[in-house]
Each structure stands twice: as C-alpha cells, then as structure tokens.
Amino acid sequence: MSAPEVLSIAFLGSGSSGNCAVVRCGKTALLVDAGLSVRETRKRLALRGLALEDVAAVLLTHEHSDHVYGALALSRKAGLPVYATVGTADAAGFPGPLFADVRTVRG
C-alpha cells in the first residue's frame, strides 16, 4: 500500500501588496490568486522548490487587484489557464480568450 499524498499550502504573498498561495498535492500545484508579478511569483515559488512550469493553473477567488494583478500575465507568459467566476472575470475587466486563457466557472 502506498503512502497517501500530502496536501500542502504555502502563502507566496498576503496583504495589500499582493495575495497568492500555492496549493500542492503530489505532483499537482495550483496558484490560488495571482496578486504578484510574474517575476515575483517565479522568485517566491523557487524559494519553495517549485518553478512556474510546475504550476497547472490559477484559481481566482475574487476581482480585487491585490488578487488578480498578475493573472493575465501568468496566462500569456507562462501559458497557465486562469479560472474565475463570470462575475470575477467581468469585474476584473479581463479581455476575451484571444488575449489570455481565462476560463469561467459557476460560482
């Protein structure tokens, strides 16, 4: 019998200057919120032994700028899909799918 996979959460940023957390289980990593620049996100992931290429997607909790600031750049530069409710995507002013991979989910 193999050991169960461990769920871990690390906060990369918290506060008005940018919110972002990485949630990991096994080999899967997900960013929850993207309030940091791509450069800062890469740097803070590296401090935890991860690369941006290890991240599967971004999940946004709401549209405040300190939670969505880097989302579109992460989608464009790192090829990450960004998941948000329709309300969050609209309120954040996200452009259509030609500019970034923003996928809406039911809230």
PDB file of N, CA and C in Angstrom:
ATOM      1  N   MET A   1       0.838  -1.167   0.000  1.00  0.00           N
ATOM      2  CA  MET A   1       0.000   0.000   0.000  1.00  0.00           C
ATOM      3  C   MET A   1       0.896   1.248   0.000  1.00  0.00           C
ATOM      4  N   SER A   2       0.631   2.177  -0.909  1.00  0.00           N
ATOM      5  CA  SER A   2       1.448   3.386  -0.991  1.00  0.00           C
ATOM      6  C   SER A   2       0.968   4.427   0.024  1.00  0.00           C
ATOM      7  N   ALA A   3       1.886   5.319   0.373  1.00  0.00           N
ATOM      8  CA  ALA A   3       1.565   6.373   1.325  1.00  0.00           C
ATOM      9  C   ALA A   3       0.610   7.372   0.680  1.00  0.00           C
ATOM     10  N   PRO A   4      -0.310   7.924   1.461  1.00  0.00           N
ATOM     11  CA  PRO A   4      -1.237   8.918   0.905  1.00  0.00           C
ATOM     12  C   PRO A   4      -0.471  10.190   0.520  1.00  0.00           C
ATOM     13  N   GLU A   5      -0.966  10.867  -0.506  1.00  0.00           N
ATOM     14  CA  GLU A   5      -0.333  12.108  -0.929  1.00  0.00           C
ATOM     15  C   GLU A   5      -0.679  13.211   0.062  1.00  0.00           C
ATOM     16  N   VAL A   6       0.256  14.086   0.281  1.00  0.00           N
ATOM     17  CA  VAL A   6       0.103  15.144   1.260  1.00  0.00           C
ATOM     18  C   VAL A   6      -0.336  16.428   0.569  1.00  0.00           C
ATOM     19  N   LEU A   7      -1.309  17.098   1.141  1.00  0.00           N
ATOM     20  CA  LEU A   7      -1.756  18.395   0.666  1.00  0.00           C
ATOM     21  C   LEU A   7      -0.976  19.465   1.408  1.00  0.00           C
ATOM     22  N   SER A   8      -0.379  20.402   0.660  1.00  0.00           N
ATOM     23  CA  SER A   8       0.352  21.479   1.317  1.00  0.00           C
ATOM     24  C   SER A   8      -0.081  22.819   0.732  1.00  0.00           C
ATOM     25  N   ILE A   9      -0.043  23.832   1.563  1.00  0.00           N
ATOM     26  CA  ILE A   9      -0.381  25.192   1.153  1.00  0.00           C
ATOM     27  C   ILE A   9       0.730  26.105   1.628  1.00  0.00           C
ATOM     28  N   ALA A  10       1.236  26.923   0.719  1.00  0.00           N
ATOM     29  CA  ALA A  10       2.266  27.909   1.066  1.00  0.00           C
ATOM     30  C   ALA A  10       1.807  29.261   0.553  1.00  0.00           C
ATOM     31  N   PHE A  11       1.872  30.259   1.403  1.00  0.00           N
ATOM     32  CA  PHE A  11       1.481  31.607   1.018  1.00  0.00           C
ATOM     33  C   PHE A  11       2.687  32.330   0.435  1.00  0.00           C
ATOM     34  N   LEU A  12       2.554  32.730  -0.820  1.00  0.00           N
ATOM     35  CA  LEU A  12       3.623  33.449  -1.501  1.00  0.00           C
ATOM     36  C   LEU A  12       3.527  34.944  -1.223  1.00  0.00           C
ATOM     37  N   GLY A  13       2.336  35.409  -0.933  1.00  0.00           N
ATOM     38  CA  GLY A  13       2.106  36.810  -0.628  1.00  0.00           C
ATOM     39  C   GLY A  13       0.758  36.963   0.028  1.00  0.00           C
ATOM     40  N   SER A  14       0.681  37.875   0.971  1.00  0.00           N
ATOM     41  CA  SER A  14      -0.581  38.106   1.658  1.00  0.00           C
ATOM     42  C   SER A  14      -0.628  39.561   2.108  1.00  0.00           C
ATOM     43  N   GLY A  15      -1.629  40.272   1.656  1.00  0.00           N
ATOM     44  CA  GLY A  15      -1.769  41.663   2.040  1.00  0.00           C
ATOM     45  C   GLY A  15      -2.053  42.536   0.842  1.00  0.00           C
ATOM     46  N   SER A  16      -2.119  43.836   1.066  1.00  0.00           N
ATOM     47  CA  SER A  16      -2.500  44.766   0.003  1.00  0.00           C
ATOM     48  C   SER A  16      -1.474  44.840  -1.123  1.00  0.00           C
ATOM     49  N   SER A  17      -0.251  44.377  -0.887  1.00  0.00           N
ATOM     50  CA  SER A  17       0.761  44.389  -1.948  1.00  0.00           C
ATOM     51  C   SER A  17       0.687  43.156  -2.840  1.00  0.00           C
ATOM     52  N   GLY A  18      -0.198  42.220  -2.549  1.00  0.00           N
ATOM     53  CA  GLY A  18      -0.390  41.068  -3.418  1.00  0.00           C
ATOM     54  C   GLY A  18      -0.658  39.786  -2.669  1.00  0.00           C
ATOM     55  N   ASN A  19      -1.703  39.094  -3.084  1.00  0.00           N
ATOM     56  CA  ASN A  19      -2.083  37.820  -2.477  1.00  0.00           C
ATOM     57  C   ASN A  19      -1.874  36.687  -3.466  1.00  0.00           C
ATOM     58  N   CYS A  20      -1.255  35.623  -2.990  1.00  0.00           N
ATOM     59  CA  CYS A  20      -1.023  34.455  -3.833  1.00  0.00           C
ATOM     60  C   CYS A  20      -0.618  33.299  -2.929  1.00  0.00           C
ATOM     61  N   ALA A  21      -1.177  32.135  -3.199  1.00  0.00           N
ATOM     62  CA  ALA A  21      -0.803  30.934  -2.462  1.00  0.00           C
ATOM     63  C   ALA A  21      -0.611  29.810  -3.470  1.00  0.00           C
ATOM     64  N   VAL A  22       0.221  28.861  -3.119  1.00  0.00           N
ATOM     65  CA  VAL A  22       0.383  27.675  -3.954  1.00  0.00           C
ATOM     66  C   VAL A  22      -0.108  26.483  -3.141  1.00  0.00           C
ATOM     67  N   VAL A  23      -1.013  25.728  -3.758  1.00  0.00           N
ATOM     68  CA  VAL A  23      -1.567  24.525  -3.142  1.00  0.00           C
ATOM     69  C   VAL A  23      -1.016  23.348  -3.916  1.00  0.00           C
ATOM     70  N   ARG A  24      -0.437  22.396  -3.191  1.00  0.00           N
ATOM     71  CA  ARG A  24       0.157  21.228  -3.834  1.00  0.00           C
ATOM     72  C   ARG A  24      -0.412  19.946  -3.252  1.00  0.00           C
ATOM     73  N   CYS A  25      -0.565  18.979  -4.127  1.00  0.00           N
ATOM     74  CA  CYS A  25      -0.900  17.615  -3.719  1.00  0.00           C
ATOM     75  C   CYS A  25      -0.211  16.704  -4.726  1.00  0.00           C
ATOM     76  N   GLY A  26       0.734  15.937  -4.234  1.00  0.00           N
ATOM     77  CA  GLY A  26       1.524  15.114  -5.143  1.00  0.00           C
ATOM     78  C   GLY A  26       2.297  15.994  -6.101  1.00  0.00           C
ATOM     79  N   LYS A  27       2.158  15.726  -7.392  1.00  0.00           N
ATOM     80  CA  LYS A  27       2.874  16.492  -8.407  1.00  0.00           C
ATOM     81  C   LYS A  27       2.055  17.656  -8.957  1.00  0.00           C
ATOM     82  N   THR A  28       0.859  17.857  -8.430  1.00  0.00           N
ATOM     83  CA  THR A  28      -0.006  18.920  -8.921  1.00  0.00           C
ATOM     84  C   THR A  28       0.110  20.152  -8.047  1.00  0.00           C
ATOM     85  N   ALA A  29       0.324  21.305  -8.693  1.00  0.00           N
ATOM     86  CA  ALA A  29       0.399  22.584  -7.985  1.00  0.00           C
ATOM     87  C   ALA A  29      -0.570  23.555  -8.648  1.00  0.00           C
ATOM     88  N   LEU A  30      -1.248  24.338  -7.835  1.00  0.00           N
ATOM     89  CA  LEU A  30      -2.241  25.303  -8.283  1.00  0.00           C
ATOM     90  C   LEU A  30      -2.005  26.611  -7.546  1.00  0.00           C
ATOM     91  N   LEU A  31      -2.026  27.728  -8.276  1.00  0.00           N
ATOM     92  CA  LEU A  31      -1.956  29.026  -7.615  1.00  0.00           C
ATOM     93  C   LEU A  31      -3.366  29.474  -7.275  1.00  0.00           C
ATOM     94  N   VAL A  32      -3.566  29.891  -6.052  1.00  0.00           N
ATOM     95  CA  VAL A  32      -4.830  30.487  -5.647  1.00  0.00           C
ATOM     96  C   VAL A  32      -4.561  31.979  -5.525  1.00  0.00           C
ATOM     97  N   ASP A  33      -5.147  32.725  -6.432  1.00  0.00           N
ATOM     98  CA  ASP A  33      -4.958  34.161  -6.611  1.00  0.00           C
ATOM     99  C   ASP A  33      -3.600  34.443  -7.238  1.00  0.00           C
ATOM    100  N   ALA A  34      -3.506  35.619  -7.833  1.00  0.00           N
ATOM    101  CA  ALA A  34      -2.317  35.982  -8.599  1.00  0.00           C
ATOM    102  C   ALA A  34      -2.051  37.473  -8.455  1.00  0.00           C
ATOM    103  N   GLY A  35      -1.853  37.905  -7.239  1.00  0.00           N
ATOM    104  CA  GLY A  35      -1.656  39.316  -6.970  1.00  0.00           C
ATOM    105  C   GLY A  35      -0.225  39.796  -7.100  1.00  0.00           C
ATOM    106  N   LEU A  36       0.672  38.921  -7.511  1.00  0.00           N
ATOM    107  CA  LEU A  36       2.089  39.265  -7.663  1.00  0.00           C
ATOM    108  C   LEU A  36       2.458  39.283  -9.142  1.00  0.00           C
ATOM    109  N   SER A  37       3.537  39.968  -9.479  1.00  0.00           N
ATOM    110  CA  SER A  37       4.025  39.953 -10.861  1.00  0.00           C
ATOM    111  C   SER A  37       4.533  38.547 -11.202  1.00  0.00           C
ATOM    112  N   VAL A  38       4.709  38.289 -12.487  1.00  0.00           N
ATOM    113  CA  VAL A  38       5.248  37.001 -12.912  1.00  0.00           C
ATOM    114  C   VAL A  38       6.637  36.804 -12.307  1.00  0.00           C
ATOM    115  N   ARG A  39       7.456  37.821 -12.367  1.00  0.00           N
ATOM    116  CA  ARG A  39       8.820  37.738 -11.829  1.00  0.00           C
ATOM    117  C   ARG A  39       8.801  37.404 -10.329  1.00  0.00           C
ATOM    118  N   GLU A  40       7.963  38.094  -9.574  1.00  0.00           N
ATOM    119  CA  GLU A  40       7.894  37.863  -8.131  1.00  0.00           C
ATOM    120  C   GLU A  40       7.306  36.481  -7.821  1.00  0.00           C
ATOM    121  N   THR A  41       6.337  36.067  -8.607  1.00  0.00           N
ATOM    122  CA  THR A  41       5.756  34.729  -8.420  1.00  0.00           C
ATOM    123  C   THR A  41       6.821  33.663  -8.650  1.00  0.00           C
ATOM    124  N   ARG A  42       7.593  33.795  -9.731  1.00  0.00           N
ATOM    125  CA  ARG A  42       8.684  32.843 -10.003  1.00  0.00           C
ATOM    126  C   ARG A  42       9.669  32.796  -8.834  1.00  0.00           C
ATOM    127  N   LYS A  43      10.064  33.968  -8.370  1.00  0.00           N
ATOM    128  CA  LYS A  43      11.039  34.063  -7.287  1.00  0.00           C
ATOM    129  C   LYS A  43      10.529  33.375  -6.017  1.00  0.00           C
ATOM    130  N   ARG A  44       9.282  33.642  -5.661  1.00  0.00           N
ATOM    131  CA  ARG A  44       8.739  33.077  -4.428  1.00  0.00           C
ATOM    132  C   ARG A  44       8.445  31.593  -4.550  1.00  0.00           C
ATOM    133  N   LEU A  45       8.082  31.130  -5.740  1.00  0.00           N
ATOM    134  CA  LEU A  45       7.933  29.685  -5.953  1.00  0.00           C
ATOM    135  C   LEU A  45       9.280  28.990  -5.798  1.00  0.00           C
ATOM    136  N   ALA A  46      10.328  29.587  -6.353  1.00  0.00           N
ATOM    137  CA  ALA A  46      11.671  28.995  -6.283  1.00  0.00           C
ATOM    138  C   ALA A  46      12.128  28.823  -4.840  1.00  0.00           C
ATOM    139  N   LEU A  47      11.743  29.748  -3.969  1.00  0.00           N
ATOM    140  CA  LEU A  47      12.092  29.626  -2.549  1.00  0.00           C
ATOM    141  C   LEU A  47      11.446  28.394  -1.912  1.00  0.00           C
ATOM    142  N   ARG A  48      10.424  27.868  -2.570  1.00  0.00           N
ATOM    143  CA  ARG A  48       9.728  26.676  -2.076  1.00  0.00           C
ATOM    144  C   ARG A  48      10.021  25.451  -2.934  1.00  0.00           C
ATOM    145  N   GLY A  49      11.051  25.551  -3.765  1.00  0.00           N
ATOM    146  CA  GLY A  49      11.473  24.410  -4.574  1.00  0.00           C
ATOM    147  C   GLY A  49      10.606  24.142  -5.783  1.00  0.00           C
ATOM    148  N   LEU A  50       9.860  25.137  -6.226  1.00  0.00           N
ATOM    149  CA  LEU A  50       8.980  24.977  -7.382  1.00  0.00           C
ATOM    150  C   LEU A  50       9.354  25.966  -8.476  1.00  0.00           C
ATOM    151  N   ALA A  51       9.025  25.598  -9.697  1.00  0.00           N
ATOM    152  CA  ALA A  51       9.155  26.503 -10.835  1.00  0.00           C
ATOM    153  C   ALA A  51       7.754  26.829 -11.331  1.00  0.00           C
ATOM    154  N   LEU A  52       7.628  27.920 -12.030  1.00  0.00           N
ATOM    155  CA  LEU A  52       6.326  28.291 -12.579  1.00  0.00           C
ATOM    156  C   LEU A  52       5.808  27.188 -13.504  1.00  0.00           C
ATOM    157  N   GLU A  53       6.729  26.485 -14.140  1.00  0.00           N
ATOM    158  CA  GLU A  53       6.350  25.384 -15.032  1.00  0.00           C
ATOM    159  C   GLU A  53       5.736  24.205 -14.283  1.00  0.00           C
ATOM    160  N   ASP A  54       5.895  24.159 -12.967  1.00  0.00           N
ATOM    161  CA  ASP A  54       5.281  23.107 -12.146  1.00  0.00           C
ATOM    162  C   ASP A  54       3.822  23.394 -11.830  1.00  0.00           C
ATOM    163  N   VAL A  55       3.369  24.614 -12.107  1.00  0.00           N
ATOM    164  CA  VAL A  55       2.006  25.040 -11.775  1.00  0.00           C
ATOM    165  C   VAL A  55       1.067  24.679 -12.922  1.00  0.00           C
ATOM    166  N   ALA A  56      -0.079  24.102 -12.575  1.00  0.00           N
ATOM    167  CA  ALA A  56      -1.044  23.667 -13.586  1.00  0.00           C
ATOM    168  C   ALA A  56      -2.037  24.755 -13.979  1.00  0.00           C
ATOM    169  N   ALA A  57      -2.400  25.632 -13.038  1.00  0.00           N
ATOM    170  CA  ALA A  57      -3.433  26.634 -13.314  1.00  0.00           C
ATOM    171  C   ALA A  57      -3.471  27.665 -12.196  1.00  0.00           C
ATOM    172  N   VAL A  58      -4.276  28.706 -12.434  1.00  0.00           N
ATOM    173  CA  VAL A  58      -4.520  29.749 -11.444  1.00  0.00           C
ATOM    174  C   VAL A  58      -6.019  29.777 -11.161  1.00  0.00           C
ATOM    175  N   LEU A  59      -6.387  29.841  -9.897  1.00  0.00           N
ATOM    176  CA  LEU A  59      -7.780  29.967  -9.484  1.00  0.00           C
ATOM    177  C   LEU A  59      -7.930  31.292  -8.752  1.00  0.00           C
ATOM    178  N   LEU A  60      -8.818  32.151  -9.246  1.00  0.00           N
ATOM    179  CA  LEU A  60      -9.019  33.457  -8.620  1.00  0.00           C
ATOM    180  C   LEU A  60     -10.231  33.425  -7.698  1.00  0.00           C
ATOM    181  N   THR A  61     -10.062  33.970  -6.512  1.00  0.00           N
ATOM    182  CA  THR A  61     -11.152  33.974  -5.534  1.00  0.00           C
ATOM    183  C   THR A  61     -12.098  35.148  -5.723  1.00  0.00           C
ATOM    184  N   HIS A  62     -11.560  36.291  -6.140  1.00  0.00           N
ATOM    185  CA  HIS A  62     -12.377  37.468  -6.411  1.00  0.00           C
ATOM    186  C   HIS A  62     -11.543  38.501  -7.157  1.00  0.00           C
ATOM    187  N   GLU A  63     -12.194  39.596  -7.575  1.00  0.00           N
ATOM    188  CA  GLU A  63     -11.600  40.517  -8.542  1.00  0.00           C
ATOM    189  C   GLU A  63     -10.739  41.642  -7.988  1.00  0.00           C
ATOM    190  N   HIS A  64     -10.520  41.722  -6.700  1.00  0.00           N
ATOM    191  CA  HIS A  64      -9.699  42.810  -6.168  1.00  0.00           C
ATOM    192  C   HIS A  64      -8.294  42.752  -6.776  1.00  0.00           C
ATOM    193  N   SER A  65      -7.733  43.931  -7.061  1.00  0.00           N
ATOM    194  CA  SER A  65      -6.457  43.986  -7.771  1.00  0.00           C
ATOM    195  C   SER A  65      -5.335  43.252  -7.049  1.00  0.00           C
ATOM    196  N   ASP A  66      -5.374  43.219  -5.724  1.00  0.00           N
ATOM    197  CA  ASP A  66      -4.311  42.515  -4.994  1.00  0.00           C
ATOM    198  C   ASP A  66      -4.459  40.995  -5.080  1.00  0.00           C
ATOM    199  N   HIS A  67      -5.488  40.533  -5.793  1.00  0.00           N
ATOM    200  CA  HIS A  67      -5.688  39.099  -6.028  1.00  0.00           C
ATOM    201  C   HIS A  67      -5.561  38.727  -7.502  1.00  0.00           C
ATOM    202  N   VAL A  68      -5.737  39.695  -8.405  1.00  0.00           N
ATOM    203  CA  VAL A  68      -5.740  39.383  -9.845  1.00  0.00           C
ATOM    204  C   VAL A  68      -4.635  40.073 -10.644  1.00  0.00           C
ATOM    205  N   TYR A  69      -3.855  40.912 -10.021  1.00  0.00           N
ATOM    206  CA  TYR A  69      -2.859  41.745 -10.709  1.00  0.00           C
ATOM    207  C   TYR A  69      -2.046  40.979 -11.759  1.00  0.00           C
ATOM    208  N   GLY A  70      -1.507  39.831 -11.440  1.00  0.00           N
ATOM    209  CA  GLY A  70      -0.629  39.101 -12.351  1.00  0.00           C
ATOM    210  C   GLY A  70      -1.292  38.001 -13.149  1.00  0.00           C
ATOM    211  N   ALA A  71      -2.597  37.848 -13.036  1.00  0.00           N
ATOM    212  CA  ALA A  71      -3.281  36.703 -13.653  1.00  0.00           C
ATOM    213  C   ALA A  71      -3.131  36.652 -15.170  1.00  0.00           C
ATOM    214  N   LEU A  72      -3.394  37.756 -15.842  1.00  0.00           N
ATOM    215  CA  LEU A  72      -3.319  37.743 -17.308  1.00  0.00           C
ATOM    216  C   LEU A  72      -1.895  37.527 -17.798  1.00  0.00           C
ATOM    217  N   ALA A  73      -0.926  38.131 -17.113  1.00  0.00           N
ATOM    218  CA  ALA A  73       0.476  37.932 -17.500  1.00  0.00           C
ATOM    219  C   ALA A  73       0.894  36.481 -17.285  1.00  0.00           C
ATOM    220  N   LEU A  74       0.429  35.861 -16.205  1.00  0.00           N
ATOM    221  CA  LEU A  74       0.737  34.444 -15.978  1.00  0.00           C
ATOM    222  C   LEU A  74       0.138  33.584 -17.081  1.00  0.00           C
ATOM    223  N   SER A  75      -1.054  33.950 -17.519  1.00  0.00           N
ATOM    224  CA  SER A  75      -1.686  33.196 -18.598  1.00  0.00           C
ATOM    225  C   SER A  75      -0.912  33.364 -19.901  1.00  0.00           C
ATOM    226  N   ARG A  76      -0.573  34.598 -20.236  1.00  0.00           N
ATOM    227  CA  ARG A  76       0.115  34.866 -21.509  1.00  0.00           C
ATOM    228  C   ARG A  76       1.556  34.385 -21.506  1.00  0.00           C
ATOM    229  N   LYS A  77       2.299  34.684 -20.460  1.00  0.00           N
ATOM    230  CA  LYS A  77       3.743  34.393 -20.446  1.00  0.00           C
ATOM    231  C   LYS A  77       4.068  32.967 -20.042  1.00  0.00           C
ATOM    232  N   ALA A  78       3.239  32.371 -19.181  1.00  0.00           N
ATOM    233  CA  ALA A  78       3.531  31.020 -18.703  1.00  0.00           C
ATOM    234  C   ALA A  78       2.551  29.989 -19.263  1.00  0.00           C
ATOM    235  N   GLY A  79       1.566  30.445 -20.023  1.00  0.00           N
ATOM    236  CA  GLY A  79       0.611  29.520 -20.623  1.00  0.00           C
ATOM    237  C   GLY A  79      -0.344  28.877 -19.633  1.00  0.00           C
ATOM    238  N   LEU A  80      -0.572  29.544 -18.504  1.00  0.00           N
ATOM    239  CA  LEU A  80      -1.444  28.972 -17.481  1.00  0.00           C
ATOM    240  C   LEU A  80      -2.903  29.332 -17.717  1.00  0.00           C
ATOM    241  N   PRO A  81      -3.803  28.368 -17.619  1.00  0.00           N
ATOM    242  CA  PRO A  81      -5.218  28.731 -17.637  1.00  0.00           C
ATOM    243  C   PRO A  81      -5.580  29.420 -16.319  1.00  0.00           C
ATOM    244  N   VAL A  82      -6.456  30.404 -16.413  1.00  0.00           N
ATOM    245  CA  VAL A  82      -6.922  31.138 -15.239  1.00  0.00           C
ATOM    246  C   VAL A  82      -8.408  30.841 -15.074  1.00  0.00           C
ATOM    247  N   TYR A  83      -8.783  30.348 -13.917  1.00  0.00           N
ATOM    248  CA  TYR A  83     -10.176  30.017 -13.625  1.00  0.00           C
ATOM    249  C   TYR A  83     -10.768  31.072 -12.709  1.00  0.00           C
ATOM    250  N   ALA A  84     -11.955  31.561 -13.082  1.00  0.00           N
ATOM    251  CA  ALA A  84     -12.659  32.566 -12.289  1.00  0.00           C
ATOM    252  C   ALA A  84     -14.143  32.462 -12.587  1.00  0.00           C
ATOM    253  N   THR A  85     -14.952  32.957 -11.673  1.00  0.00           N
ATOM    254  CA  THR A  85     -16.377  33.033 -11.987  1.00  0.00           C
ATOM    255  C   THR A  85     -16.578  34.109 -13.050  1.00  0.00           C
ATOM    256  N   VAL A  86     -17.726  34.073 -13.721  1.00  0.00           N
ATOM    257  CA  VAL A  86     -18.037  35.088 -14.720  1.00  0.00           C
ATOM    258  C   VAL A  86     -18.009  36.467 -14.078  1.00  0.00           C
ATOM    259  N   GLY A  87     -18.574  36.592 -12.890  1.00  0.00           N
ATOM    260  CA  GLY A  87     -18.596  37.865 -12.190  1.00  0.00           C
ATOM    261  C   GLY A  87     -17.207  38.384 -11.890  1.00  0.00           C
ATOM    262  N   THR A  88     -16.320  37.514 -11.450  1.00  0.00           N
ATOM    263  CA  THR A  88     -14.948  37.919 -11.155  1.00  0.00           C
ATOM    264  C   THR A  88     -14.224  38.340 -12.429  1.00  0.00           C
ATOM    265  N   ALA A  89     -14.350  37.557 -13.492  1.00  0.00           N
ATOM    266  CA  ALA A  89     -13.695  37.888 -14.759  1.00  0.00           C
ATOM    267  C   ALA A  89     -14.209  39.214 -15.311  1.00  0.00           C
ATOM    268  N   ASP A  90     -15.512  39.419 -15.268  1.00  0.00           N
ATOM    269  CA  ASP A  90     -16.090  40.673 -15.760  1.00  0.00           C
ATOM    270  C   ASP A  90     -15.655  41.857 -14.911  1.00  0.00           C
ATOM    271  N   ALA A  91     -15.746  41.720 -13.599  1.00  0.00           N
ATOM    272  CA  ALA A  91     -15.389  42.820 -12.699  1.00  0.00           C
ATOM    273  C   ALA A  91     -13.904  43.162 -12.791  1.00  0.00           C
ATOM    274  N   ALA A  92     -13.064  42.170 -13.080  1.00  0.00           N
ATOM    275  CA  ALA A  92     -11.632  42.409 -13.223  1.00  0.00           C
ATOM    276  C   ALA A  92     -11.299  43.017 -14.589  1.00  0.00           C
ATOM    277  N   GLY A  93     -12.286  43.028 -15.493  1.00  0.00           N
ATOM    278  CA  GLY A  93     -12.071  43.598 -16.821  1.00  0.00           C
ATOM    279  C   GLY A  93     -11.205  42.739 -17.717  1.00  0.00           C
ATOM    280  N   PHE A  94     -11.260  41.429 -17.520  1.00  0.00           N
ATOM    281  CA  PHE A  94     -10.436  40.540 -18.329  1.00  0.00           C
ATOM    282  C   PHE A  94     -10.905  40.569 -19.785  1.00  0.00           C
ATOM    283  N   PRO A  95      -9.938  40.579 -20.704  1.00  0.00           N
ATOM    284  CA  PRO A  95     -10.282  40.579 -22.125  1.00  0.00           C
ATOM    285  C   PRO A  95     -10.734  39.192 -22.571  1.00  0.00           C
ATOM    286  N   GLY A  96     -11.122  39.109 -23.815  1.00  0.00           N
ATOM    287  CA  GLY A  96     -11.583  37.848 -24.380  1.00  0.00           C
ATOM    288  C   GLY A  96     -10.476  36.816 -24.492  1.00  0.00           C
ATOM    289  N   PRO A  97     -10.819  35.610 -24.942  1.00  0.00           N
ATOM    290  CA  PRO A  97      -9.883  34.487 -24.972  1.00  0.00           C
ATOM    291  C   PRO A  97      -8.707  34.655 -25.932  1.00  0.00           C
ATOM    292  N   LEU A  98      -8.750  35.628 -26.830  1.00  0.00           N
ATOM    293  CA  LEU A  98      -7.610  35.842 -27.718  1.00  0.00           C
ATOM    294  C   LEU A  98      -6.415  36.411 -26.968  1.00  0.00           C
ATOM    295  N   PHE A  99      -6.647  37.022 -25.824  1.00  0.00           N
ATOM    296  CA  PHE A  99      -5.582  37.689 -25.085  1.00  0.00           C
ATOM    297  C   PHE A  99      -5.028  36.854 -23.940  1.00  0.00           C
ATOM    298  N   ALA A 100      -5.827  35.965 -23.407  1.00  0.00           N
ATOM    299  CA  ALA A 100      -5.395  35.137 -22.282  1.00  0.00           C
ATOM    300  C   ALA A 100      -6.339  33.945 -22.184  1.00  0.00           C
ATOM    301  N   ASP A 101      -5.891  32.904 -21.530  1.00  0.00           N
ATOM    302  CA  ASP A 101      -6.697  31.695 -21.336  1.00  0.00           C
ATOM    303  C   ASP A 101      -7.477  31.824 -20.031  1.00  0.00           C
ATOM    304  N   VAL A 102      -8.564  32.585 -20.072  1.00  0.00           N
ATOM    305  CA  VAL A 102      -9.416  32.765 -18.895  1.00  0.00           C
ATOM    306  C   VAL A 102     -10.636  31.872 -19.069  1.00  0.00           C
ATOM    307  N   ARG A 103     -10.849  30.988 -18.117  1.00  0.00           N
ATOM    308  CA  ARG A 103     -11.957  30.037 -18.170  1.00  0.00           C
ATOM    309  C   ARG A 103     -12.921  30.326 -17.037  1.00  0.00           C
ATOM    310  N   THR A 104     -14.183  30.442 -17.364  1.00  0.00           N
ATOM    311  CA  THR A 104     -15.136  30.776 -16.317  1.00  0.00           C
ATOM    312  C   THR A 104     -15.755  29.511 -15.729  1.00  0.00           C
ATOM    313  N   VAL A 105     -16.035  29.602 -14.456  1.00  0.00           N
ATOM    314  CA  VAL A 105     -16.652  28.502 -13.724  1.00  0.00           C
ATOM    315  C   VAL A 105     -17.904  29.033 -13.033  1.00  0.00           C
ATOM    316  N   ARG A 106     -18.788  28.147 -12.694  1.00  0.00           N
ATOM    317  CA  ARG A 106     -20.002  28.546 -11.986  1.00  0.00           C
ATOM    318  C   ARG A 106     -19.676  28.786 -10.522  1.00  0.00           C
ATOM    319  N   GLY A 107     -20.197  29.875 -10.001  1.00  0.00           N
ATOM    320  CA  GLY A 107     -19.918  30.249  -8.608  1.00  0.00           C
ATOM    321  C   GLY A 107     -20.895  29.703  -7.626  1.00  0.00           C
TER     322      GLY A 107
END
